[in-house]
Amino acid sequence: MKIFYKCCCGMDVHRSYIKANLRRTGVKGKKDLDEVRKFSTMTRNLLALGDWLKESGCTHIGVESTGVFWKPVFNVLGSDFKIILVSCQ
């Protein structure tokens, strides 16, 4: 499998919380880090989420969300990361 991003995050966004799965690839494409964390959707928690992702070297975020719950993620984190909105229906 070809690796496109060495460090990225997949997010499942709900009304009151976000589940974020951070993956970082190590040497020769082997998985170096696979960590899941849960964050509130309040602004201070979204900023903490962004800090965690920056510290980990994340560059891209894939966001799955129902309705409009993805909008705060784009508004708070959009200037620091490439964010891709996906639908898993």
Foldseek 3Di string as FASTA:
>chain_A
DDDDFQWEWEWEFDQFKIKIWIWGADPPRHTDDTDIDMFTLDLVRLVVVLVVCVVVVHAEYEYEYDDCRCVSNCVRCVVRHHYHYDYDD
